[in-house]
PDB file of all heavy atoms in Angstrom:
ATOM      1  N   ILE A   1      32.157-168.399  29.633  1.00  0.00           N
ATOM      2  CA  ILE A   1      33.204-167.495  29.084  1.00  0.00           C
ATOM      3  C   ILE A   1      34.547-168.125  29.183  1.00  0.00           C
ATOM      4  O   ILE A   1      35.336-168.079  28.236  1.00  0.00           O
ATOM      5  CB  ILE A   1      33.149-166.131  29.817  1.00  0.00           C
ATOM      6  CG1 ILE A   1      31.866-165.362  29.452  1.00  0.00           C
ATOM      7  CG2 ILE A   1      34.366-165.291  29.485  1.00  0.00           C
ATOM      8  CD1 ILE A   1      31.667-164.102  30.286  1.00  0.00           C
ATOM      9  N   GLU A   2      34.877-168.700  30.321  1.00  0.00           N
ATOM     10  CA  GLU A   2      36.182-169.353  30.511  1.00  0.00           C
ATOM     11  C   GLU A   2      36.346-170.533  29.559  1.00  0.00           C
ATOM     12  O   GLU A   2      37.436-170.792  29.029  1.00  0.00           O
ATOM     13  CB  GLU A   2      36.354-169.763  31.953  1.00  0.00           C
ATOM     14  CG  GLU A   2      36.518-168.630  32.939  1.00  0.00           C
ATOM     15  CD  GLU A   2      37.684-167.712  32.538  1.00  0.00           C
ATOM     16  OE1 GLU A   2      38.754-168.225  32.228  1.00  0.00           O
ATOM     17  OE2 GLU A   2      37.477-166.477  32.525  1.00  0.00           O
ATOM     18  N   LYS A   3      35.272-171.272  29.318  1.00  0.00           N
ATOM     19  CA  LYS A   3      35.337-172.418  28.397  1.00  0.00           C
ATOM     20  C   LYS A   3      35.699-171.946  27.000  1.00  0.00           C
ATOM     21  O   LYS A   3      36.618-172.468  26.343  1.00  0.00           O
ATOM     22  CB  LYS A   3      33.984-173.134  28.390  1.00  0.00           C
ATOM     23  CG  LYS A   3      33.934-174.300  27.399  1.00  0.00           C
ATOM     24  CD  LYS A   3      32.530-174.891  27.274  1.00  0.00           C
ATOM     25  CE  LYS A   3      31.710-174.077  26.348  1.00  0.00           C
ATOM     26  NZ  LYS A   3      30.384-174.699  25.999  1.00  0.00           N
ATOM     27  N   PHE A   4      35.008-170.890  26.505  1.00  0.00           N
ATOM     28  CA  PHE A   4      35.301-170.398  25.172  1.00  0.00           C
ATOM     29  C   PHE A   4      36.663-169.734  25.086  1.00  0.00           C
ATOM     30  O   PHE A   4      37.350-169.794  24.060  1.00  0.00           O
ATOM     31  CB  PHE A   4      34.196-169.406  24.719  1.00  0.00           C
ATOM     32  CG  PHE A   4      32.877-170.083  24.425  1.00  0.00           C
ATOM     33  CD1 PHE A   4      31.719-169.662  25.042  1.00  0.00           C
ATOM     34  CD2 PHE A   4      32.817-171.156  23.534  1.00  0.00           C
ATOM     35  CE1 PHE A   4      30.504-170.276  24.814  1.00  0.00           C
ATOM     36  CE2 PHE A   4      31.587-171.779  23.295  1.00  0.00           C
ATOM     37  CZ  PHE A   4      30.431-171.351  23.906  1.00  0.00           C
ATOM     38  N   LYS A   5      37.062-169.109  26.196  1.00  0.00           N
ATOM     39  CA  LYS A   5      38.390-168.506  26.192  1.00  0.00           C
ATOM     40  C   LYS A   5      39.496-169.542  26.039  1.00  0.00           C
ATOM     41  O   LYS A   5      40.456-169.390  25.285  1.00  0.00           O
ATOM     42  CB  LYS A   5      38.593-167.732  27.528  1.00  0.00           C
ATOM     43  CG  LYS A   5      39.771-166.803  27.521  1.00  0.00           C
ATOM     44  CD  LYS A   5      39.733-165.943  28.763  1.00  0.00           C
ATOM     45  CE  LYS A   5      40.884-164.968  28.820  1.00  0.00           C
ATOM     46  NZ  LYS A   5      40.867-164.098  30.002  1.00  0.00           N
ATOM     47  N   ALA A   6      39.313-170.667  26.730  1.00  0.00           N
ATOM     48  CA  ALA A   6      40.267-171.789  26.607  1.00  0.00           C
ATOM     49  C   ALA A   6      40.293-172.341  25.178  1.00  0.00           C
ATOM     50  O   ALA A   6      41.352-172.704  24.654  1.00  0.00           O
ATOM     51  CB  ALA A   6      39.922-172.899  27.598  1.00  0.00           C
ATOM     52  N   ILE A   7      39.130-172.419  24.541  1.00  0.00           N
ATOM     53  CA  ILE A   7      39.074-172.926  23.150  1.00  0.00           C
ATOM     54  C   ILE A   7      39.832-171.991  22.228  1.00  0.00           C
ATOM     55  O   ILE A   7      40.633-172.439  21.378  1.00  0.00           O
ATOM     56  CB  ILE A   7      37.607-173.017  22.715  1.00  0.00           C
ATOM     57  CG1 ILE A   7      36.909-174.177  23.436  1.00  0.00           C
ATOM     58  CG2 ILE A   7      37.487-173.192  21.199  1.00  0.00           C
ATOM     59  CD1 ILE A   7      35.397-174.215  23.234  1.00  0.00           C
ATOM     60  N   VAL A   8      39.630-170.671  22.378  1.00  0.00           N
ATOM     61  CA  VAL A   8      40.322-169.690  21.513  1.00  0.00           C
ATOM     62  C   VAL A   8      41.809-169.673  21.736  1.00  0.00           C
ATOM     63  O   VAL A   8      42.576-169.555  20.757  1.00  0.00           O
ATOM     64  CB  VAL A   8      39.687-168.296  21.744  1.00  0.00           C
ATOM     65  CG1 VAL A   8      40.504-167.259  20.968  1.00  0.00           C
ATOM     66  CG2 VAL A   8      38.228-168.269  21.339  1.00  0.00           C
ATOM     67  N   LEU A   9      42.235-169.832  22.982  1.00  0.00           N
ATOM     68  CA  LEU A   9      43.679-169.711  23.303  1.00  0.00           C
ATOM     69  C   LEU A   9      44.418-171.038  23.238  1.00  0.00           C
ATOM     70  O   LEU A   9      45.596-171.093  23.531  1.00  0.00           O
ATOM     71  CB  LEU A   9      43.840-169.103  24.688  1.00  0.00           C
ATOM     72  CG  LEU A   9      43.289-167.687  24.859  1.00  0.00           C
ATOM     73  CD1 LEU A   9      43.442-167.224  26.303  1.00  0.00           C
ATOM     74  CD2 LEU A   9      43.983-166.708  23.922  1.00  0.00           C
ATOM     75  N   ASN A  10      43.763-172.092  22.788  1.00  0.00           N
ATOM     76  CA  ASN A  10      44.378-173.402  22.700  1.00  0.00           C
ATOM     77  C   ASN A  10      45.490-173.380  21.633  1.00  0.00           C
ATOM     78  O   ASN A  10      45.212-173.300  20.421  1.00  0.00           O
ATOM     79  CB  ASN A  10      43.340-174.456  22.368  1.00  0.00           C
ATOM     80  CG  ASN A  10      43.937-175.862  22.288  1.00  0.00           C
ATOM     81  OD1 ASN A  10      45.152-176.068  22.522  1.00  0.00           O
ATOM     82  ND2 ASN A  10      43.090-176.819  21.928  1.00  0.00           N
ATOM     83  N   GLU A  11      46.720-173.433  22.065  1.00  0.00           N
ATOM     84  CA  GLU A  11      47.861-173.351  21.120  1.00  0.00           C
ATOM     85  C   GLU A  11      48.034-174.555  20.283  1.00  0.00           C
ATOM     86  O   GLU A  11      48.740-174.538  19.208  1.00  0.00           O
ATOM     87  CB  GLU A  11      49.151-173.075  21.901  1.00  0.00           C
ATOM     88  CG  GLU A  11      49.173-171.719  22.612  1.00  0.00           C
ATOM     89  CD  GLU A  11      50.476-171.472  23.342  1.00  0.00           C
ATOM     90  OE1 GLU A  11      51.323-172.376  23.346  1.00  0.00           O
ATOM     91  OE2 GLU A  11      50.598-170.339  23.896  1.00  0.00           O
ATOM     92  N   ASP A  12      47.425-175.698  20.629  1.00  0.00           N
ATOM     93  CA  ASP A  12      47.556-176.921  19.860  1.00  0.00           C
ATOM     94  C   ASP A  12      46.490-177.060  18.772  1.00  0.00           C
ATOM     95  O   ASP A  12      46.529-177.972  17.982  1.00  0.00           O
ATOM     96  CB  ASP A  12      47.446-178.151  20.784  1.00  0.00           C
ATOM     97  CG  ASP A  12      48.603-178.192  21.785  1.00  0.00           C
ATOM     98  OD1 ASP A  12      49.745-177.793  21.403  1.00  0.00           O
ATOM     99  OD2 ASP A  12      48.380-178.619  22.920  1.00  0.00           O
ATOM    100  N   ALA A  13      45.529-176.128  18.765  1.00  0.00           N
ATOM    101  CA  ALA A  13      44.440-176.195  17.778  1.00  0.00           C
ATOM    102  C   ALA A  13      44.889-175.637  16.457  1.00  0.00           C
ATOM    103  O   ALA A  13      45.857-174.891  16.376  1.00  0.00           O
ATOM    104  CB  ALA A  13      43.297-175.373  18.333  1.00  0.00           C
ATOM    105  N   PRO A  14      44.208-176.021  15.383  1.00  0.00           N
ATOM    106  CA  PRO A  14      44.535-175.468  14.036  1.00  0.00           C
ATOM    107  C   PRO A  14      44.372-173.933  14.036  1.00  0.00           C
ATOM    108  O   PRO A  14      43.622-173.380  14.813  1.00  0.00           O
ATOM    109  CB  PRO A  14      43.503-176.129  13.129  1.00  0.00           C
ATOM    110  CG  PRO A  14      43.053-177.326  13.830  1.00  0.00           C
ATOM    111  CD  PRO A  14      43.110-177.028  15.309  1.00  0.00           C
ATOM    112  N   GLU A  15      45.098-173.282  13.105  1.00  0.00           N
ATOM    113  CA  GLU A  15      44.991-171.817  12.989  1.00  0.00           C
ATOM    114  C   GLU A  15      43.555-171.437  12.592  1.00  0.00           C
ATOM    115  O   GLU A  15      42.897-172.154  11.825  1.00  0.00           O
ATOM    116  CB  GLU A  15      45.973-171.312  11.939  1.00  0.00           C
ATOM    117  CG  GLU A  15      47.405-171.319  12.366  1.00  0.00           C
ATOM    118  CD  GLU A  15      47.668-170.291  13.466  1.00  0.00           C
ATOM    119  OE1 GLU A  15      47.201-169.109  13.326  1.00  0.00           O
ATOM    120  OE2 GLU A  15      48.262-170.662  14.484  1.00  0.00           O
ATOM    121  N   PRO A  16      43.069-170.298  13.046  1.00  0.00           N
ATOM    122  CA  PRO A  16      41.723-169.850  12.652  1.00  0.00           C
ATOM    123  C   PRO A  16      41.642-169.555  11.158  1.00  0.00           C
ATOM    124  O   PRO A  16      42.651-169.107  10.586  1.00  0.00           O
ATOM    125  CB  PRO A  16      41.507-168.583  13.456  1.00  0.00           C
ATOM    126  CG  PRO A  16      42.514-168.616  14.566  1.00  0.00           C
ATOM    127  CD  PRO A  16      43.689-169.389  14.045  1.00  0.00           C
ATOM    128  N   ASP A  17      40.528-169.810  10.559  1.00  0.00           N
ATOM    129  CA  ASP A  17      40.263-169.549   9.172  1.00  0.00           C
ATOM    130  C   ASP A  17      39.395-168.283   9.121  1.00  0.00           C
ATOM    131  O   ASP A  17      38.196-168.349   9.379  1.00  0.00           O
ATOM    132  CB  ASP A  17      39.547-170.743   8.524  1.00  0.00           C
ATOM    133  CG  ASP A  17      39.256-170.575   7.049  1.00  0.00           C
ATOM    134  OD1 ASP A  17      39.286-169.411   6.550  1.00  0.00           O
ATOM    135  OD2 ASP A  17      39.001-171.562   6.370  1.00  0.00           O
ATOM    136  N   LEU A  18      40.008-167.162   8.771  1.00  0.00           N
ATOM    137  CA  LEU A  18      39.295-165.913   8.788  1.00  0.00           C
ATOM    138  C   LEU A  18      38.145-165.858   7.792  1.00  0.00           C
ATOM    139  O   LEU A  18      37.091-165.248   8.022  1.00  0.00           O
ATOM    140  CB  LEU A  18      40.246-164.727   8.566  1.00  0.00           C
ATOM    141  CG  LEU A  18      41.213-164.428   9.719  1.00  0.00           C
ATOM    142  CD1 LEU A  18      42.176-163.287   9.298  1.00  0.00           C
ATOM    143  CD2 LEU A  18      40.460-164.032  10.947  1.00  0.00           C
ATOM    144  N   ALA A  19      38.357-166.467   6.603  1.00  0.00           N
ATOM    145  CA  ALA A  19      37.315-166.491   5.581  1.00  0.00           C
ATOM    146  C   ALA A  19      36.069-167.229   6.084  1.00  0.00           C
ATOM    147  O   ALA A  19      34.928-166.830   5.839  1.00  0.00           O
ATOM    148  CB  ALA A  19      37.814-167.113   4.298  1.00  0.00           C
ATOM    149  N   HIS A  20      36.292-168.314   6.786  1.00  0.00           N
ATOM    150  CA  HIS A  20      35.192-169.061   7.394  1.00  0.00           C
ATOM    151  C   HIS A  20      34.571-168.265   8.555  1.00  0.00           C
ATOM    152  O   HIS A  20      33.353-168.280   8.752  1.00  0.00           O
ATOM    153  CB  HIS A  20      35.629-170.438   7.858  1.00  0.00           C
ATOM    154  CG  HIS A  20      34.522-171.301   8.350  1.00  0.00           C
ATOM    155  ND1 HIS A  20      34.480-171.838   9.616  1.00  0.00           N
ATOM    156  CD2 HIS A  20      33.419-171.747   7.742  1.00  0.00           C
ATOM    157  CE1 HIS A  20      33.400-172.527   9.753  1.00  0.00           C
ATOM    158  NE2 HIS A  20      32.705-172.506   8.643  1.00  0.00           N
ATOM    159  N   GLY A  21      35.414-167.555   9.326  1.00  0.00           N
ATOM    160  CA  GLY A  21      34.941-166.716  10.376  1.00  0.00           C
ATOM    161  C   GLY A  21      34.001-165.637   9.867  1.00  0.00           C
ATOM    162  O   GLY A  21      32.958-165.346  10.460  1.00  0.00           O
ATOM    163  N   ARG A  22      34.349-165.003   8.693  1.00  0.00           N
ATOM    164  CA  ARG A  22      33.486-164.016   8.127  1.00  0.00           C
ATOM    165  C   ARG A  22      32.164-164.637   7.646  1.00  0.00           C
ATOM    166  O   ARG A  22      31.105-164.015   7.764  1.00  0.00           O
ATOM    167  CB  ARG A  22      34.164-163.282   6.959  1.00  0.00           C
ATOM    168  CG  ARG A  22      33.298-162.189   6.422  1.00  0.00           C
ATOM    169  CD  ARG A  22      33.978-161.382   5.304  1.00  0.00           C
ATOM    170  NE  ARG A  22      33.051-160.452   4.723  1.00  0.00           N
ATOM    171  CZ  ARG A  22      33.260-159.710   3.661  1.00  0.00           C
ATOM    172  NH1 ARG A  22      34.461-159.776   3.030  1.00  0.00           N
ATOM    173  NH2 ARG A  22      32.338-158.922   3.169  1.00  0.00           N
ATOM    174  N   LEU A  23      32.236-165.841   7.130  1.00  0.00           N
ATOM    175  CA  LEU A  23      31.009-166.570   6.730  1.00  0.00           C
ATOM    176  C   LEU A  23      30.097-166.769   7.955  1.00  0.00           C
ATOM    177  O   LEU A  23      28.891-166.516   7.879  1.00  0.00           O
ATOM    178  CB  LEU A  23      31.392-167.933   6.126  1.00  0.00           C
ATOM    179  CG  LEU A  23      30.178-168.855   5.838  1.00  0.00           C
ATOM    180  CD1 LEU A  23      29.259-168.289   4.799  1.00  0.00           C
ATOM    181  CD2 LEU A  23      30.690-170.236   5.406  1.00  0.00           C
ATOM    182  N   LEU A  24      30.652-167.202   9.081  1.00  0.00           N
ATOM    183  CA  LEU A  24      29.863-167.404  10.298  1.00  0.00           C
ATOM    184  C   LEU A  24      29.284-166.064  10.779  1.00  0.00           C
ATOM    185  O   LEU A  24      28.150-166.038  11.238  1.00  0.00           O
ATOM    186  CB  LEU A  24      30.725-168.047  11.385  1.00  0.00           C
ATOM    187  CG  LEU A  24      31.223-169.453  11.106  1.00  0.00           C
ATOM    188  CD1 LEU A  24      32.234-169.904  12.145  1.00  0.00           C
ATOM    189  CD2 LEU A  24      30.081-170.442  11.013  1.00  0.00           C
ATOM    190  N   PHE A  25      30.083-165.033  10.692  1.00  0.00           N
ATOM    191  CA  PHE A  25      29.561-163.697  11.062  1.00  0.00           C
ATOM    192  C   PHE A  25      28.352-163.334  10.195  1.00  0.00           C
ATOM    193  O   PHE A  25      27.364-162.770  10.699  1.00  0.00           O
ATOM    194  CB  PHE A  25      30.672-162.642  10.937  1.00  0.00           C
ATOM    195  CG  PHE A  25      30.242-161.249  11.210  1.00  0.00           C
ATOM    196  CD1 PHE A  25      30.194-160.770  12.503  1.00  0.00           C
ATOM    197  CD2 PHE A  25      29.854-160.389  10.157  1.00  0.00           C
ATOM    198  CE1 PHE A  25      29.770-159.459  12.774  1.00  0.00           C
ATOM    199  CE2 PHE A  25      29.416-159.088  10.426  1.00  0.00           C
ATOM    200  CZ  PHE A  25      29.387-158.632  11.720  1.00  0.00           C
ATOM    201  N   SER A  26      28.461-163.591   8.917  1.00  0.00           N
ATOM    202  CA  SER A  26      27.342-163.234   7.992  1.00  0.00           C
ATOM    203  C   SER A  26      26.095-164.024   8.323  1.00  0.00           C
ATOM    204  O   SER A  26      24.979-163.570   8.107  1.00  0.00           O
ATOM    205  CB  SER A  26      27.759-163.473   6.544  1.00  0.00           C
ATOM    206  OG  SER A  26      27.789-164.873   6.227  1.00  0.00           O
ATOM    207  N   GLN A  27      26.264-165.247   8.855  1.00  0.00           N
ATOM    208  CA  GLN A  27      25.108-166.098   9.163  1.00  0.00           C
ATOM    209  C   GLN A  27      24.504-165.800  10.543  1.00  0.00           C
ATOM    210  O   GLN A  27      23.323-166.007  10.757  1.00  0.00           O
ATOM    211  CB  GLN A  27      25.538-167.569   9.118  1.00  0.00           C
ATOM    212  CG  GLN A  27      25.953-168.053   7.752  1.00  0.00           C
ATOM    213  CD  GLN A  27      26.588-169.423   7.800  1.00  0.00           C
ATOM    214  OE1 GLN A  27      27.108-169.873   8.814  1.00  0.00           O
ATOM    215  NE2 GLN A  27      26.603-170.119   6.667  1.00  0.00           N
ATOM    216  N   THR A  28      25.356-165.268  11.456  1.00  0.00           N
ATOM    217  CA  THR A  28      24.927-165.137  12.865  1.00  0.00           C
ATOM    218  C   THR A  28      24.730-163.696  13.301  1.00  0.00           C
ATOM    219  O   THR A  28      23.840-163.398  14.045  1.00  0.00           O
ATOM    220  CB  THR A  28      25.988-165.793  13.758  1.00  0.00           C
ATOM    221  OG1 THR A  28      26.213-167.116  13.362  1.00  0.00           O
ATOM    222  CG2 THR A  28      25.579-165.794  15.216  1.00  0.00           C
ATOM    223  N   CYS A  29      25.621-162.814  12.866  1.00  0.00           N
ATOM    224  CA  CYS A  29      25.674-161.451  13.422  1.00  0.00           C
ATOM    225  C   CYS A  29      25.306-160.346  12.450  1.00  0.00           C
ATOM    226  O   CYS A  29      24.871-159.270  12.857  1.00  0.00           O
ATOM    227  CB  CYS A  29      27.056-161.175  13.964  1.00  0.00           C
ATOM    228  SG  CYS A  29      27.863-162.523  14.840  1.00  0.00           S
ATOM    229  N   GLN A  30      25.553-160.609  11.185  1.00  0.00           N
ATOM    230  CA  GLN A  30      25.516-159.531  10.175  1.00  0.00           C
ATOM    231  C   GLN A  30      24.112-158.970   9.967  1.00  0.00           C
ATOM    232  O   GLN A  30      23.969-157.814   9.501  1.00  0.00           O
ATOM    233  CB  GLN A  30      26.079-160.072   8.867  1.00  0.00           C
ATOM    234  CG  GLN A  30      26.246-159.027   7.764  1.00  0.00           C
ATOM    235  CD  GLN A  30      27.025-159.581   6.585  1.00  0.00           C
ATOM    236  OE1 GLN A  30      28.227-159.939   6.718  1.00  0.00           O
ATOM    237  NE2 GLN A  30      26.332-159.712   5.483  1.00  0.00           N
ATOM    238  N   GLN A  31      23.059-159.753  10.275  1.00  0.00           N
ATOM    239  CA  GLN A  31      21.730-159.231  10.105  1.00  0.00           C
ATOM    240  C   GLN A  31      21.496-157.992  11.004  1.00  0.00           C
ATOM    241  O   GLN A  31      20.677-157.136  10.683  1.00  0.00           O
ATOM    242  CB  GLN A  31      20.640-160.283  10.484  1.00  0.00           C
ATOM    243  CG  GLN A  31      20.575-161.449   9.496  1.00  0.00           C
ATOM    244  CD  GLN A  31      21.656-162.490   9.751  1.00  0.00           C
ATOM    245  OE1 GLN A  31      22.311-162.488  10.797  1.00  0.00           O
ATOM    246  NE2 GLN A  31      21.804-163.400   8.831  1.00  0.00           N
ATOM    247  N   CYS A  32      22.219-157.918  12.106  1.00  0.00           N
ATOM    248  CA  CYS A  32      21.984-156.856  13.085  1.00  0.00           C
ATOM    249  C   CYS A  32      23.145-155.872  13.145  1.00  0.00           C
ATOM    250  O   CYS A  32      22.951-154.664  13.405  1.00  0.00           O
ATOM    251  CB  CYS A  32      21.719-157.438  14.448  1.00  0.00           C
ATOM    252  SG  CYS A  32      20.209-158.453  14.541  1.00  0.00           S
ATOM    253  N   HIS A  33      24.397-156.389  13.041  1.00  0.00           N
ATOM    254  CA  HIS A  33      25.584-155.549  13.268  1.00  0.00           C
ATOM    255  C   HIS A  33      26.366-155.285  11.999  1.00  0.00           C
ATOM    256  O   HIS A  33      26.518-156.176  11.160  1.00  0.00           O
ATOM    257  CB  HIS A  33      26.508-156.230  14.297  1.00  0.00           C
ATOM    258  CG  HIS A  33      25.960-156.341  15.643  1.00  0.00           C
ATOM    259  ND1 HIS A  33      25.867-155.288  16.537  1.00  0.00           N
ATOM    260  CD2 HIS A  33      25.415-157.447  16.311  1.00  0.00           C
ATOM    261  CE1 HIS A  33      25.346-155.730  17.676  1.00  0.00           C
ATOM    262  NE2 HIS A  33      25.046-156.998  17.547  1.00  0.00           N
ATOM    263  N   GLN A  34      26.944-154.097  11.924  1.00  0.00           N
ATOM    264  CA  GLN A  34      27.878-153.769  10.854  1.00  0.00           C
ATOM    265  C   GLN A  34      29.299-154.024  11.347  1.00  0.00           C
ATOM    266  O   GLN A  34      29.662-153.686  12.500  1.00  0.00           O
ATOM    267  CB  GLN A  34      27.742-152.313  10.421  1.00  0.00           C
ATOM    268  CG  GLN A  34      26.598-152.058   9.503  1.00  0.00           C
ATOM    269  CD  GLN A  34      26.776-150.789   8.666  1.00  0.00           C
ATOM    270  OE1 GLN A  34      27.902-150.329   8.464  1.00  0.00           O
ATOM    271  NE2 GLN A  34      25.701-150.241   8.177  1.00  0.00           N
ATOM    272  N   LEU A  35      30.126-154.544  10.440  1.00  0.00           N
ATOM    273  CA  LEU A  35      31.568-154.661  10.683  1.00  0.00           C
ATOM    274  C   LEU A  35      32.260-154.347   9.375  1.00  0.00           C
ATOM    275  O   LEU A  35      31.935-155.007   8.346  1.00  0.00           O
ATOM    276  CB  LEU A  35      31.942-156.028  11.215  1.00  0.00           C
ATOM    277  CG  LEU A  35      33.425-156.294  11.513  1.00  0.00           C
ATOM    278  CD1 LEU A  35      33.937-155.273  12.527  1.00  0.00           C
ATOM    279  CD2 LEU A  35      33.625-157.688  12.034  1.00  0.00           C
ATOM    280  N   PHE A  36      33.171-153.402   9.374  1.00  0.00           N
ATOM    281  CA  PHE A  36      33.858-152.951   8.166  1.00  0.00           C
ATOM    282  C   PHE A  36      32.851-152.536   7.071  1.00  0.00           C
ATOM    283  O   PHE A  36      33.055-152.823   5.881  1.00  0.00           O
ATOM    284  CB  PHE A  36      34.794-154.057   7.622  1.00  0.00           C
ATOM    285  CG  PHE A  36      35.808-154.518   8.609  1.00  0.00           C
ATOM    286  CD1 PHE A  36      35.891-155.860   8.987  1.00  0.00           C
ATOM    287  CD2 PHE A  36      36.732-153.634   9.154  1.00  0.00           C
ATOM    288  CE1 PHE A  36      36.822-156.324   9.878  1.00  0.00           C
ATOM    289  CE2 PHE A  36      37.661-154.067  10.098  1.00  0.00           C
ATOM    290  CZ  PHE A  36      37.727-155.395  10.458  1.00  0.00           C
ATOM    291  N   GLY A  37      31.771-151.862   7.462  1.00  0.00           N
ATOM    292  CA  GLY A  37      30.838-151.313   6.529  1.00  0.00           C
ATOM    293  C   GLY A  37      29.812-152.276   5.968  1.00  0.00           C
ATOM    294  O   GLY A  37      29.024-151.896   5.101  1.00  0.00           O
ATOM    295  N   VAL A  38      29.807-153.541   6.426  1.00  0.00           N
ATOM    296  CA  VAL A  38      28.889-154.535   5.915  1.00  0.00           C
ATOM    297  C   VAL A  38      27.994-155.023   7.063  1.00  0.00           C
ATOM    298  O   VAL A  38      28.468-155.368   8.123  1.00  0.00           O
ATOM    299  CB  VAL A  38      29.641-155.742   5.327  1.00  0.00           C
ATOM    300  CG1 VAL A  38      28.661-156.798   4.812  1.00  0.00           C
ATOM    301  CG2 VAL A  38      30.568-155.273   4.200  1.00  0.00           C
TER     302      VAL A  38
END
């Protein structure tokens, strides 16, 4: 958890790409979970 938290909070890293994040959600989580009605 601490490792991933450091990755997310790394201020020197590129900005997150939300469109790619939604793609990853559709591949990993969307089969089971709804988010924003999908």
